[in-house]
Amino acid sequence: MLWLKALHLIFMVTWFAGLFYLPRLYVYHAMSTDEISNERFKVMERKLFYGIMTPGMIITFIFGIWMLTDYAWNLYSTAGWLHAKLALLLIMLIYHYFCGLWLVDFKNDRNHHSHVYYRWMNEIPVLFLVGIVILAVVKPF
């Protein structure tokens, strides 16, 4: 069980690294005006999303579901904190999906948002991280 938890946390950190950095790249990309920068950002964003973020997310879910089915569900199936954590994960999955939509917009030179918009979007993963860690560690309800 401890190995599963360790691997789950390692890949969660990988996923969050991407969730923190990709919107920051979008901030800079939205501010860029020259073609060289635009193309460089497209490569960086694509590699981060498909090479780090998405695999981190998938592997996080694999180990999380494994722990949930082998251990946690029997112990905590009625615990409010677990349901709240799973709800946050679902919302975070939707956020990840939107990061992918923004990636496609930038790839096709169709970005409709300002750098200020992405600055605000860059703060959202912090809320997920704080909420999920508190729910998983403190188990407040």
N, C-alpha and C. Protein backbone atom coordinates (compact mmCIF):
# COMPACT_ATOMS: atom_id res chain seq x y z
N MET A 1 0.82 -1.20 0.00
CA MET A 1 0.00 0.00 0.00
C MET A 1 0.86 1.26 0.00
N LEU A 2 1.96 1.26 0.76
CA LEU A 2 2.81 2.45 0.82
C LEU A 2 3.47 2.73 -0.53
N TRP A 3 3.82 1.67 -1.27
CA TRP A 3 4.39 1.87 -2.60
C TRP A 3 3.37 2.51 -3.54
N LEU A 4 2.15 2.04 -3.47
CA LEU A 4 1.10 2.63 -4.30
C LEU A 4 0.91 4.11 -3.96
N LYS A 5 0.88 4.40 -2.67
CA LYS A 5 0.70 5.78 -2.23
C LYS A 5 1.87 6.65 -2.68
N ALA A 6 3.09 6.12 -2.58
CA ALA A 6 4.27 6.88 -3.01
C ALA A 6 4.23 7.15 -4.51
N LEU A 7 3.91 6.15 -5.29
CA LEU A 7 3.83 6.32 -6.74
C LEU A 7 2.69 7.27 -7.12
N HIS A 8 1.59 7.16 -6.42
CA HIS A 8 0.46 8.07 -6.66
C HIS A 8 0.91 9.52 -6.41
N LEU A 9 1.61 9.75 -5.33
CA LEU A 9 2.07 11.10 -5.00
C LEU A 9 3.12 11.60 -5.98
N ILE A 10 4.03 10.74 -6.40
CA ILE A 10 5.06 11.15 -7.36
C ILE A 10 4.42 11.63 -8.66
N PHE A 11 3.47 10.87 -9.18
CA PHE A 11 2.86 11.25 -10.44
C PHE A 11 1.87 12.41 -10.26
N MET A 12 1.31 12.56 -9.06
CA MET A 12 0.48 13.72 -8.79
C MET A 12 1.33 14.98 -8.83
N VAL A 13 2.53 14.92 -8.29
CA VAL A 13 3.45 16.06 -8.35
C VAL A 13 3.80 16.37 -9.80
N THR A 14 4.02 15.34 -10.59
CA THR A 14 4.32 15.54 -12.01
C THR A 14 3.15 16.24 -12.72
N TRP A 15 1.95 15.77 -12.44
CA TRP A 15 0.76 16.37 -13.05
C TRP A 15 0.62 17.82 -12.63
N PHE A 16 0.78 18.08 -11.33
CA PHE A 16 0.65 19.45 -10.85
C PHE A 16 1.74 20.36 -11.39
N ALA A 17 2.93 19.83 -11.59
CA ALA A 17 3.99 20.66 -12.18
C ALA A 17 3.53 21.20 -13.53
N GLY A 18 2.91 20.34 -14.31
CA GLY A 18 2.37 20.77 -15.60
C GLY A 18 1.20 21.72 -15.45
N LEU A 19 0.32 21.45 -14.49
CA LEU A 19 -0.83 22.32 -14.28
C LEU A 19 -0.41 23.71 -13.82
N PHE A 20 0.70 23.79 -13.11
CA PHE A 20 1.21 25.10 -12.68
C PHE A 20 1.92 25.82 -13.82
N TYR A 21 2.65 25.07 -14.65
CA TYR A 21 3.51 25.70 -15.64
C TYR A 21 2.81 26.00 -16.97
N LEU A 22 1.90 25.14 -17.42
CA LEU A 22 1.29 25.34 -18.73
C LEU A 22 0.52 26.67 -18.82
N PRO A 23 -0.33 27.00 -17.85
CA PRO A 23 -1.00 28.31 -17.95
C PRO A 23 -0.01 29.48 -17.91
N ARG A 24 1.11 29.30 -17.23
CA ARG A 24 2.14 30.34 -17.23
C ARG A 24 2.73 30.49 -18.63
N LEU A 25 2.94 29.37 -19.33
CA LEU A 25 3.38 29.45 -20.72
C LEU A 25 2.34 30.16 -21.58
N TYR A 26 1.06 29.91 -21.29
CA TYR A 26 0.00 30.59 -22.03
C TYR A 26 0.04 32.10 -21.80
N VAL A 27 0.39 32.52 -20.58
CA VAL A 27 0.53 33.95 -20.29
C VAL A 27 1.58 34.55 -21.23
N TYR A 28 2.74 33.93 -21.28
CA TYR A 28 3.83 34.45 -22.11
C TYR A 28 3.49 34.34 -23.60
N HIS A 29 2.82 33.24 -23.98
CA HIS A 29 2.46 33.05 -25.37
C HIS A 29 1.45 34.12 -25.80
N ALA A 30 0.49 34.42 -24.95
CA ALA A 30 -0.50 35.45 -25.28
C ALA A 30 0.14 36.83 -25.40
N MET A 31 1.27 37.04 -24.75
CA MET A 31 1.96 38.32 -24.81
C MET A 31 2.94 38.39 -25.98
N SER A 32 3.30 37.25 -26.56
CA SER A 32 4.31 37.26 -27.62
C SER A 32 3.72 37.79 -28.93
N THR A 33 4.57 38.43 -29.68
CA THR A 33 4.11 39.03 -30.94
C THR A 33 4.89 38.55 -32.16
N ASP A 34 6.04 37.94 -31.94
CA ASP A 34 6.84 37.51 -33.10
C ASP A 34 6.64 36.02 -33.38
N GLU A 35 6.83 35.63 -34.60
CA GLU A 35 6.58 34.27 -35.05
C GLU A 35 7.52 33.25 -34.40
N ILE A 36 8.77 33.62 -34.19
CA ILE A 36 9.73 32.69 -33.57
C ILE A 36 9.27 32.33 -32.16
N SER A 37 8.87 33.32 -31.38
CA SER A 37 8.37 33.06 -30.03
C SER A 37 7.11 32.22 -30.07
N ASN A 38 6.19 32.56 -30.96
CA ASN A 38 4.94 31.80 -31.06
C ASN A 38 5.21 30.33 -31.35
N GLU A 39 6.10 30.05 -32.26
CA GLU A 39 6.41 28.66 -32.59
C GLU A 39 7.12 27.95 -31.44
N ARG A 40 8.00 28.65 -30.76
CA ARG A 40 8.71 28.07 -29.61
C ARG A 40 7.71 27.71 -28.51
N PHE A 41 6.78 28.61 -28.22
CA PHE A 41 5.77 28.33 -27.20
C PHE A 41 4.89 27.15 -27.59
N LYS A 42 4.55 27.03 -28.85
CA LYS A 42 3.74 25.91 -29.30
C LYS A 42 4.43 24.58 -29.01
N VAL A 43 5.73 24.53 -29.28
CA VAL A 43 6.49 23.29 -29.02
C VAL A 43 6.54 23.01 -27.52
N MET A 44 6.85 24.03 -26.73
CA MET A 44 6.95 23.85 -25.27
C MET A 44 5.61 23.40 -24.69
N GLU A 45 4.54 24.04 -25.13
CA GLU A 45 3.20 23.71 -24.60
C GLU A 45 2.81 22.28 -24.97
N ARG A 46 3.06 21.91 -26.22
CA ARG A 46 2.72 20.56 -26.67
C ARG A 46 3.49 19.50 -25.89
N LYS A 47 4.79 19.71 -25.73
CA LYS A 47 5.61 18.73 -25.01
C LYS A 47 5.19 18.63 -23.54
N LEU A 48 4.88 19.76 -22.93
CA LEU A 48 4.46 19.75 -21.53
C LEU A 48 3.12 19.04 -21.37
N PHE A 49 2.16 19.36 -22.24
CA PHE A 49 0.83 18.78 -22.11
C PHE A 49 0.83 17.28 -22.39
N TYR A 50 1.43 16.89 -23.51
CA TYR A 50 1.38 15.49 -23.91
C TYR A 50 2.50 14.63 -23.32
N GLY A 51 3.62 15.25 -22.97
CA GLY A 51 4.76 14.48 -22.47
C GLY A 51 4.87 14.40 -20.96
N ILE A 52 4.27 15.35 -20.25
CA ILE A 52 4.40 15.38 -18.79
C ILE A 52 3.03 15.39 -18.11
N MET A 53 2.21 16.39 -18.45
CA MET A 53 0.93 16.55 -17.75
C MET A 53 -0.01 15.37 -17.93
N THR A 54 -0.29 15.03 -19.16
CA THR A 54 -1.29 13.99 -19.41
C THR A 54 -0.81 12.62 -18.92
N PRO A 55 0.43 12.21 -19.19
CA PRO A 55 0.88 10.94 -18.59
C PRO A 55 0.86 10.99 -17.06
N GLY A 56 1.25 12.12 -16.48
CA GLY A 56 1.19 12.25 -15.01
C GLY A 56 -0.22 12.08 -14.51
N MET A 57 -1.18 12.69 -15.20
CA MET A 57 -2.58 12.58 -14.81
C MET A 57 -3.06 11.12 -14.90
N ILE A 58 -2.77 10.48 -16.02
CA ILE A 58 -3.23 9.10 -16.23
C ILE A 58 -2.66 8.18 -15.17
N ILE A 59 -1.36 8.28 -14.93
CA ILE A 59 -0.72 7.39 -13.95
C ILE A 59 -1.19 7.71 -12.54
N THR A 60 -1.44 8.99 -12.24
CA THR A 60 -2.01 9.37 -10.94
C THR A 60 -3.36 8.69 -10.75
N PHE A 61 -4.20 8.74 -11.78
CA PHE A 61 -5.51 8.10 -11.68
C PHE A 61 -5.39 6.58 -11.56
N ILE A 62 -4.45 5.98 -12.27
CA ILE A 62 -4.27 4.52 -12.19
C ILE A 62 -3.95 4.11 -10.75
N PHE A 63 -2.95 4.77 -10.14
CA PHE A 63 -2.59 4.41 -8.77
C PHE A 63 -3.66 4.82 -7.77
N GLY A 64 -4.33 5.94 -8.03
CA GLY A 64 -5.41 6.36 -7.14
C GLY A 64 -6.58 5.39 -7.16
N ILE A 65 -6.98 4.96 -8.35
CA ILE A 65 -8.08 4.00 -8.45
C ILE A 65 -7.68 2.66 -7.85
N TRP A 66 -6.43 2.28 -8.05
CA TRP A 66 -5.91 1.04 -7.47
C TRP A 66 -6.03 1.10 -5.95
N MET A 67 -5.57 2.20 -5.35
CA MET A 67 -5.67 2.35 -3.89
C MET A 67 -7.12 2.39 -3.45
N LEU A 68 -7.94 3.07 -4.20
CA LEU A 68 -9.35 3.21 -3.86
C LEU A 68 -10.04 1.85 -3.85
N THR A 69 -9.79 1.04 -4.86
CA THR A 69 -10.48 -0.26 -4.95
C THR A 69 -9.89 -1.29 -3.99
N ASP A 70 -8.59 -1.25 -3.75
CA ASP A 70 -7.97 -2.24 -2.88
C ASP A 70 -8.05 -1.90 -1.40
N TYR A 71 -8.21 -0.64 -1.08
CA TYR A 71 -8.05 -0.25 0.32
C TYR A 71 -9.07 0.78 0.78
N ALA A 72 -9.08 1.92 0.15
CA ALA A 72 -9.78 3.08 0.71
C ALA A 72 -11.29 2.97 0.64
N TRP A 73 -11.84 2.39 -0.42
CA TRP A 73 -13.30 2.43 -0.57
C TRP A 73 -13.99 1.68 0.57
N ASN A 74 -13.44 0.53 0.95
CA ASN A 74 -14.05 -0.24 2.05
C ASN A 74 -14.00 0.52 3.37
N LEU A 75 -12.93 1.27 3.58
CA LEU A 75 -12.78 2.01 4.84
C LEU A 75 -13.52 3.34 4.83
N TYR A 76 -13.54 4.01 3.69
CA TYR A 76 -13.98 5.41 3.66
C TYR A 76 -15.15 5.67 2.70
N SER A 77 -15.86 4.66 2.28
CA SER A 77 -16.90 4.87 1.27
C SER A 77 -18.00 5.83 1.73
N THR A 78 -18.18 5.98 3.02
CA THR A 78 -19.19 6.91 3.52
C THR A 78 -18.59 8.20 4.04
N ALA A 79 -17.29 8.34 3.92
CA ALA A 79 -16.61 9.54 4.45
C ALA A 79 -16.80 10.71 3.48
N GLY A 80 -17.22 11.83 4.03
CA GLY A 80 -17.44 13.02 3.22
C GLY A 80 -16.18 13.55 2.58
N TRP A 81 -15.05 13.44 3.28
CA TRP A 81 -13.80 13.97 2.73
C TRP A 81 -13.42 13.26 1.44
N LEU A 82 -13.66 11.95 1.37
CA LEU A 82 -13.30 11.20 0.16
C LEU A 82 -14.18 11.64 -1.02
N HIS A 83 -15.45 11.83 -0.77
CA HIS A 83 -16.35 12.26 -1.83
C HIS A 83 -16.01 13.68 -2.28
N ALA A 84 -15.64 14.53 -1.34
CA ALA A 84 -15.23 15.90 -1.70
C ALA A 84 -13.94 15.86 -2.51
N LYS A 85 -12.99 15.01 -2.12
CA LYS A 85 -11.74 14.89 -2.87
C LYS A 85 -12.01 14.39 -4.28
N LEU A 86 -12.86 13.40 -4.42
CA LEU A 86 -13.18 12.88 -5.75
C LEU A 86 -13.89 13.94 -6.59
N ALA A 87 -14.72 14.76 -5.97
CA ALA A 87 -15.38 15.85 -6.70
C ALA A 87 -14.35 16.86 -7.18
N LEU A 88 -13.38 17.21 -6.32
CA LEU A 88 -12.31 18.12 -6.73
C LEU A 88 -11.50 17.53 -7.88
N LEU A 89 -11.26 16.23 -7.82
CA LEU A 89 -10.52 15.58 -8.90
C LEU A 89 -11.28 15.64 -10.21
N LEU A 90 -12.58 15.48 -10.15
CA LEU A 90 -13.39 15.59 -11.36
C LEU A 90 -13.31 17.00 -11.94
N ILE A 91 -13.40 18.00 -11.08
CA ILE A 91 -13.30 19.39 -11.55
C ILE A 91 -11.90 19.66 -12.10
N MET A 92 -10.88 19.08 -11.45
CA MET A 92 -9.52 19.25 -11.94
C MET A 92 -9.32 18.57 -13.29
N LEU A 93 -9.98 17.47 -13.50
CA LEU A 93 -9.94 16.80 -14.80
C LEU A 93 -10.54 17.71 -15.88
N ILE A 94 -11.61 18.41 -15.54
CA ILE A 94 -12.23 19.35 -16.47
C ILE A 94 -11.26 20.51 -16.75
N TYR A 95 -10.57 20.99 -15.72
CA TYR A 95 -9.57 22.04 -15.89
C TYR A 95 -8.46 21.56 -16.83
N HIS A 96 -8.02 20.33 -16.65
CA HIS A 96 -6.99 19.74 -17.52
C HIS A 96 -7.49 19.74 -18.97
N TYR A 97 -8.74 19.37 -19.15
CA TYR A 97 -9.35 19.36 -20.48
C TYR A 97 -9.32 20.76 -21.09
N PHE A 98 -9.65 21.79 -20.29
CA PHE A 98 -9.61 23.16 -20.80
C PHE A 98 -8.18 23.57 -21.16
N CYS A 99 -7.21 23.11 -20.40
CA CYS A 99 -5.81 23.39 -20.77
C CYS A 99 -5.53 22.82 -22.15
N GLY A 100 -6.07 21.64 -22.44
CA GLY A 100 -5.90 21.05 -23.76
C GLY A 100 -6.62 21.84 -24.84
N LEU A 101 -7.80 22.37 -24.54
CA LEU A 101 -8.50 23.21 -25.52
C LEU A 101 -7.72 24.48 -25.82
N TRP A 102 -7.16 25.10 -24.79
CA TRP A 102 -6.34 26.30 -24.99
C TRP A 102 -5.11 25.97 -25.82
N LEU A 103 -4.53 24.79 -25.59
CA LEU A 103 -3.38 24.34 -26.37
C LEU A 103 -3.74 24.28 -27.85
N VAL A 104 -4.89 23.72 -28.17
CA VAL A 104 -5.33 23.62 -29.56
C VAL A 104 -5.56 25.01 -30.15
N ASP A 105 -6.15 25.91 -29.34
CA ASP A 105 -6.36 27.27 -29.82
C ASP A 105 -5.04 27.95 -30.18
N PHE A 106 -4.05 27.83 -29.29
CA PHE A 106 -2.75 28.43 -29.58
C PHE A 106 -2.10 27.76 -30.80
N LYS A 107 -2.21 26.44 -30.87
CA LYS A 107 -1.62 25.70 -31.99
C LYS A 107 -2.16 26.20 -33.32
N ASN A 108 -3.45 26.50 -33.34
CA ASN A 108 -4.10 26.94 -34.58
C ASN A 108 -4.21 28.46 -34.68
N ASP A 109 -3.46 29.16 -33.84
CA ASP A 109 -3.44 30.63 -33.84
C ASP A 109 -4.84 31.23 -33.68
N ARG A 110 -5.60 30.62 -32.77
CA ARG A 110 -6.96 31.09 -32.51
C ARG A 110 -7.17 31.51 -31.06
N ASN A 111 -6.14 31.88 -30.37
CA ASN A 111 -6.29 32.28 -28.97
C ASN A 111 -7.18 33.52 -28.88
N HIS A 112 -8.17 33.47 -27.99
CA HIS A 112 -9.11 34.58 -27.83
C HIS A 112 -8.98 35.25 -26.47
N HIS A 113 -8.01 34.84 -25.68
CA HIS A 113 -7.89 35.34 -24.32
C HIS A 113 -6.62 36.18 -24.17
N SER A 114 -6.68 37.10 -23.22
CA SER A 114 -5.51 37.93 -22.94
C SER A 114 -4.59 37.22 -21.95
N HIS A 115 -3.41 37.77 -21.78
CA HIS A 115 -2.48 37.21 -20.80
C HIS A 115 -3.05 37.32 -19.40
N VAL A 116 -3.89 38.32 -19.14
CA VAL A 116 -4.50 38.47 -17.81
C VAL A 116 -5.42 37.29 -17.50
N TYR A 117 -6.17 36.86 -18.50
CA TYR A 117 -7.05 35.70 -18.33
C TYR A 117 -6.22 34.49 -17.90
N TYR A 118 -5.12 34.23 -18.58
CA TYR A 118 -4.29 33.07 -18.24
C TYR A 118 -3.60 33.24 -16.90
N ARG A 119 -3.32 34.47 -16.51
CA ARG A 119 -2.76 34.70 -15.16
C ARG A 119 -3.76 34.23 -14.10
N TRP A 120 -5.04 34.53 -14.30
CA TRP A 120 -6.06 34.07 -13.37
C TRP A 120 -6.20 32.56 -13.44
N MET A 121 -6.19 32.00 -14.63
CA MET A 121 -6.31 30.55 -14.78
C MET A 121 -5.12 29.83 -14.14
N ASN A 122 -3.98 30.50 -14.10
CA ASN A 122 -2.78 29.92 -13.51
C ASN A 122 -2.92 29.73 -12.00
N GLU A 123 -3.84 30.43 -11.36
CA GLU A 123 -4.02 30.32 -9.91
C GLU A 123 -4.92 29.16 -9.52
N ILE A 124 -5.74 28.69 -10.42
CA ILE A 124 -6.72 27.65 -10.09
C ILE A 124 -6.08 26.36 -9.56
N PRO A 125 -4.98 25.85 -10.14
CA PRO A 125 -4.40 24.62 -9.60
C PRO A 125 -3.97 24.73 -8.14
N VAL A 126 -3.64 25.93 -7.69
CA VAL A 126 -3.28 26.10 -6.28
C VAL A 126 -4.48 25.74 -5.39
N LEU A 127 -5.65 26.17 -5.79
CA LEU A 127 -6.86 25.86 -5.02
C LEU A 127 -7.11 24.36 -4.98
N PHE A 128 -6.92 23.70 -6.13
CA PHE A 128 -7.07 22.24 -6.17
C PHE A 128 -6.08 21.57 -5.23
N LEU A 129 -4.82 21.98 -5.32
CA LEU A 129 -3.78 21.36 -4.50
C LEU A 129 -4.08 21.52 -3.02
N VAL A 130 -4.41 22.71 -2.59
CA VAL A 130 -4.70 22.95 -1.17
C VAL A 130 -5.90 22.11 -0.73
N GLY A 131 -6.96 22.15 -1.50
CA GLY A 131 -8.15 21.39 -1.13
C GLY A 131 -7.92 19.90 -1.07
N ILE A 132 -7.28 19.36 -2.08
CA ILE A 132 -7.07 17.91 -2.15
C ILE A 132 -6.14 17.43 -1.05
N VAL A 133 -5.05 18.16 -0.81
CA VAL A 133 -4.11 17.73 0.23
C VAL A 133 -4.77 17.80 1.61
N ILE A 134 -5.50 18.88 1.88
CA ILE A 134 -6.18 18.98 3.18
C ILE A 134 -7.19 17.85 3.35
N LEU A 135 -7.97 17.59 2.32
CA LEU A 135 -8.95 16.52 2.41
C LEU A 135 -8.29 15.16 2.62
N ALA A 136 -7.21 14.88 1.91
CA ALA A 136 -6.55 13.57 1.99
C ALA A 136 -5.79 13.37 3.28
N VAL A 137 -5.20 14.44 3.81
CA VAL A 137 -4.35 14.30 5.00
C VAL A 137 -5.14 14.53 6.28
N VAL A 138 -5.89 15.62 6.34
CA VAL A 138 -6.61 15.99 7.56
C VAL A 138 -7.92 15.20 7.70
N LYS A 139 -8.53 14.87 6.57
CA LYS A 139 -9.82 14.15 6.55
C LYS A 139 -10.82 14.86 7.47
N PRO A 140 -11.17 16.11 7.16
CA PRO A 140 -11.96 16.93 8.09
C PRO A 140 -13.39 16.47 8.32
N PHE A 141 -13.96 15.68 7.43
CA PHE A 141 -15.33 15.22 7.65
C PHE A 141 -15.57 13.90 6.95
